[in-house]
Amino acid sequence: MKKILARIFSRENLLALLLCLILIALTIFTVDTTPTWIYQGF
């Protein structure tokens, strides 16, 4: 059982999970803001 948990929660897996969560959070927080540079030409 300890080997399985150590394999799942290895350092590489935790870093990949952290990176994925950061990308998801950035996507969620930037979706609701409208890009004003699109409308500057009109």
PDB file of N, CA and C in Angstrom:
ATOM      1  N   MET A   1       0.829  -1.204   0.000  1.00  0.00           N
ATOM      2  CA  MET A   1       0.000   0.000   0.000  1.00  0.00           C
ATOM      3  C   MET A   1       0.865   1.257   0.000  1.00  0.00           C
ATOM      4  N   LYS A   2       1.963   1.223   0.756  1.00  0.00           N
ATOM      5  CA  LYS A   2       2.837   2.394   0.813  1.00  0.00           C
ATOM      6  C   LYS A   2       3.507   2.663  -0.524  1.00  0.00           C
ATOM      7  N   LYS A   3       3.822   1.600  -1.243  1.00  0.00           N
ATOM      8  CA  LYS A   3       4.461   1.776  -2.548  1.00  0.00           C
ATOM      9  C   LYS A   3       3.530   2.454  -3.536  1.00  0.00           C
ATOM     10  N   ILE A   4       2.265   2.072  -3.475  1.00  0.00           N
ATOM     11  CA  ILE A   4       1.284   2.664  -4.391  1.00  0.00           C
ATOM     12  C   ILE A   4       1.111   4.147  -4.089  1.00  0.00           C
ATOM     13  N   LEU A   5       0.984   4.488  -2.815  1.00  0.00           N
ATOM     14  CA  LEU A   5       0.828   5.893  -2.437  1.00  0.00           C
ATOM     15  C   LEU A   5       2.066   6.698  -2.776  1.00  0.00           C
ATOM     16  N   ALA A   6       3.232   6.111  -2.575  1.00  0.00           N
ATOM     17  CA  ALA A   6       4.470   6.810  -2.913  1.00  0.00           C
ATOM     18  C   ALA A   6       4.580   7.033  -4.411  1.00  0.00           C
ATOM     19  N   ARG A   7       4.081   6.087  -5.193  1.00  0.00           N
ATOM     20  CA  ARG A   7       4.128   6.243  -6.653  1.00  0.00           C
ATOM     21  C   ARG A   7       3.128   7.306  -7.120  1.00  0.00           C
ATOM     22  N   ILE A   8       1.939   7.329  -6.505  1.00  0.00           N
ATOM     23  CA  ILE A   8       0.918   8.304  -6.913  1.00  0.00           C
ATOM     24  C   ILE A   8       1.337   9.708  -6.497  1.00  0.00           C
ATOM     25  N   PHE A   9       1.821   9.868  -5.281  1.00  0.00           N
ATOM     26  CA  PHE A   9       2.164  11.186  -4.758  1.00  0.00           C
ATOM     27  C   PHE A   9       3.663  11.443  -4.839  1.00  0.00           C
ATOM     28  N   SER A  10       4.239  11.115  -5.976  1.00  0.00           N
ATOM     29  CA  SER A  10       5.656  11.414  -6.153  1.00  0.00           C
ATOM     30  C   SER A  10       5.822  12.907  -6.413  1.00  0.00           C
ATOM     31  N   ARG A  11       7.055  13.365  -6.366  1.00  0.00           N
ATOM     32  CA  ARG A  11       7.322  14.791  -6.531  1.00  0.00           C
ATOM     33  C   ARG A  11       6.914  15.269  -7.923  1.00  0.00           C
ATOM     34  N   GLU A  12       7.187  14.474  -8.928  1.00  0.00           N
ATOM     35  CA  GLU A  12       6.842  14.867 -10.299  1.00  0.00           C
ATOM     36  C   GLU A  12       5.328  14.976 -10.477  1.00  0.00           C
ATOM     37  N   ASN A  13       4.607  14.030  -9.910  1.00  0.00           N
ATOM     38  CA  ASN A  13       3.145  14.061 -10.035  1.00  0.00           C
ATOM     39  C   ASN A  13       2.552  15.254  -9.298  1.00  0.00           C
ATOM     40  N   LEU A  14       3.084  15.578  -8.137  1.00  0.00           N
ATOM     41  CA  LEU A  14       2.566  16.722  -7.399  1.00  0.00           C
ATOM     42  C   LEU A  14       2.868  18.025  -8.127  1.00  0.00           C
ATOM     43  N   LEU A  15       4.045  18.136  -8.736  1.00  0.00           N
ATOM     44  CA  LEU A  15       4.372  19.339  -9.501  1.00  0.00           C
ATOM     45  C   LEU A  15       3.481  19.461 -10.740  1.00  0.00           C
ATOM     46  N   ALA A  16       3.211  18.348 -11.396  1.00  0.00           N
ATOM     47  CA  ALA A  16       2.326  18.374 -12.562  1.00  0.00           C
ATOM     48  C   ALA A  16       0.909  18.764 -12.150  1.00  0.00           C
ATOM     49  N   LEU A  17       0.444  18.246 -11.026  1.00  0.00           N
ATOM     50  CA  LEU A  17      -0.884  18.602 -10.533  1.00  0.00           C
ATOM     51  C   LEU A  17      -0.952  20.083 -10.177  1.00  0.00           C
ATOM     52  N   LEU A  18       0.077  20.599  -9.540  1.00  0.00           N
ATOM     53  CA  LEU A  18       0.117  22.015  -9.182  1.00  0.00           C
ATOM     54  C   LEU A  18       0.105  22.890 -10.433  1.00  0.00           C
ATOM     55  N   LEU A  19       0.873  22.522 -11.432  1.00  0.00           N
ATOM     56  CA  LEU A  19       0.902  23.281 -12.681  1.00  0.00           C
ATOM     57  C   LEU A  19      -0.470  23.264 -13.365  1.00  0.00           C
ATOM     58  N   CYS A  20      -1.112  22.124 -13.363  1.00  0.00           N
ATOM     59  CA  CYS A  20      -2.440  21.999 -13.962  1.00  0.00           C
ATOM     60  C   CYS A  20      -3.459  22.864 -13.221  1.00  0.00           C
ATOM     61  N   LEU A  21      -3.411  22.866 -11.903  1.00  0.00           N
ATOM     62  CA  LEU A  21      -4.344  23.690 -11.126  1.00  0.00           C
ATOM     63  C   LEU A  21      -4.109  25.168 -11.361  1.00  0.00           C
ATOM     64  N   ILE A  22      -2.848  25.579 -11.497  1.00  0.00           N
ATOM     65  CA  ILE A  22      -2.535  26.981 -11.778  1.00  0.00           C
ATOM     66  C   ILE A  22      -3.089  27.381 -13.143  1.00  0.00           C
ATOM     67  N   LEU A  23      -2.927  26.513 -14.143  1.00  0.00           N
ATOM     68  CA  LEU A  23      -3.447  26.820 -15.474  1.00  0.00           C
ATOM     69  C   LEU A  23      -4.971  26.904 -15.475  1.00  0.00           C
ATOM     70  N   ILE A  24      -5.622  26.021 -14.743  1.00  0.00           N
ATOM     71  CA  ILE A  24      -7.079  26.059 -14.652  1.00  0.00           C
ATOM     72  C   ILE A  24      -7.537  27.344 -13.961  1.00  0.00           C
ATOM     73  N   ALA A  25      -6.845  27.736 -12.891  1.00  0.00           N
ATOM     74  CA  ALA A  25      -7.208  28.962 -12.176  1.00  0.00           C
ATOM     75  C   ALA A  25      -7.003  30.183 -13.063  1.00  0.00           C
ATOM     76  N   LEU A  26      -5.914  30.226 -13.815  1.00  0.00           N
ATOM     77  CA  LEU A  26      -5.685  31.349 -14.719  1.00  0.00           C
ATOM     78  C   LEU A  26      -6.766  31.416 -15.790  1.00  0.00           C
ATOM     79  N   THR A  27      -7.165  30.277 -16.295  1.00  0.00           N
ATOM     80  CA  THR A  27      -8.216  30.247 -17.313  1.00  0.00           C
ATOM     81  C   THR A  27      -9.532  30.753 -16.743  1.00  0.00           C
ATOM     82  N   ILE A  28      -9.879  30.330 -15.548  1.00  0.00           N
ATOM     83  CA  ILE A  28     -11.143  30.746 -14.940  1.00  0.00           C
ATOM     84  C   ILE A  28     -11.139  32.247 -14.654  1.00  0.00           C
ATOM     85  N   PHE A  29     -10.016  32.770 -14.148  1.00  0.00           N
ATOM     86  CA  PHE A  29      -9.995  34.181 -13.768  1.00  0.00           C
ATOM     87  C   PHE A  29      -9.877  35.116 -14.961  1.00  0.00           C
ATOM     88  N   THR A  30      -9.383  34.639 -16.095  1.00  0.00           N
ATOM     89  CA  THR A  30      -9.228  35.527 -17.245  1.00  0.00           C
ATOM     90  C   THR A  30     -10.370  35.406 -18.247  1.00  0.00           C
ATOM     91  N   VAL A  31     -11.240  34.431 -18.109  1.00  0.00           N
ATOM     92  CA  VAL A  31     -12.333  34.256 -19.064  1.00  0.00           C
ATOM     93  C   VAL A  31     -13.357  35.381 -18.933  1.00  0.00           C
ATOM     94  N   ASP A  32     -13.627  35.831 -17.718  1.00  0.00           N
ATOM     95  CA  ASP A  32     -14.697  36.816 -17.541  1.00  0.00           C
ATOM     96  C   ASP A  32     -14.280  38.222 -17.944  1.00  0.00           C
ATOM     97  N   THR A  33     -12.994  38.500 -18.153  1.00  0.00           N
ATOM     98  CA  THR A  33     -12.572  39.831 -18.567  1.00  0.00           C
ATOM     99  C   THR A  33     -12.596  39.918 -20.084  1.00  0.00           C
ATOM    100  N   THR A  34     -13.213  40.965 -20.603  1.00  0.00           N
ATOM    101  CA  THR A  34     -13.304  41.118 -22.052  1.00  0.00           C
ATOM    102  C   THR A  34     -12.029  41.743 -22.583  1.00  0.00           C
ATOM    103  N   PRO A  35     -11.493  41.214 -23.664  1.00  0.00           N
ATOM    104  CA  PRO A  35     -10.279  41.795 -24.225  1.00  0.00           C
ATOM    105  C   PRO A  35     -10.588  43.116 -24.943  1.00  0.00           C
ATOM    106  N   THR A  36     -10.108  44.219 -24.405  1.00  0.00           N
ATOM    107  CA  THR A  36     -10.421  45.530 -24.981  1.00  0.00           C
ATOM    108  C   THR A  36      -9.625  45.803 -26.247  1.00  0.00           C
ATOM    109  N   TRP A  37      -8.531  45.110 -26.461  1.00  0.00           N
ATOM    110  CA  TRP A  37      -7.710  45.389 -27.643  1.00  0.00           C
ATOM    111  C   TRP A  37      -8.416  44.967 -28.930  1.00  0.00           C
ATOM    112  N   ILE A  38      -9.405  44.090 -28.836  1.00  0.00           N
ATOM    113  CA  ILE A  38     -10.149  43.682 -30.033  1.00  0.00           C
ATOM    114  C   ILE A  38     -11.009  44.846 -30.529  1.00  0.00           C
ATOM    115  N   TYR A  39     -11.573  45.614 -29.605  1.00  0.00           N
ATOM    116  CA  TYR A  39     -12.533  46.653 -29.960  1.00  0.00           C
ATOM    117  C   TYR A  39     -11.881  48.015 -30.178  1.00  0.00           C
ATOM    118  N   GLN A  40     -10.565  48.128 -30.089  1.00  0.00           N
ATOM    119  CA  GLN A  40      -9.915  49.432 -30.224  1.00  0.00           C
ATOM    120  C   GLN A  40      -9.968  49.950 -31.655  1.00  0.00           C
ATOM    121  N   GLY A  41     -10.051  49.071 -32.633  1.00  0.00           N
ATOM    122  CA  GLY A  41     -10.079  49.528 -34.017  1.00  0.00           C
ATOM    123  C   GLY A  41     -11.426  50.017 -34.492  1.00  0.00           C
ATOM    124  N   PHE A  42     -12.480  49.793 -33.715  1.00  0.00           N
ATOM    125  CA  PHE A  42     -13.822  50.160 -34.161  1.00  0.00           C
ATOM    126  C   PHE A  42     -14.296  51.457 -33.555  1.00  0.00           C
TER     127      PHE A  42
END
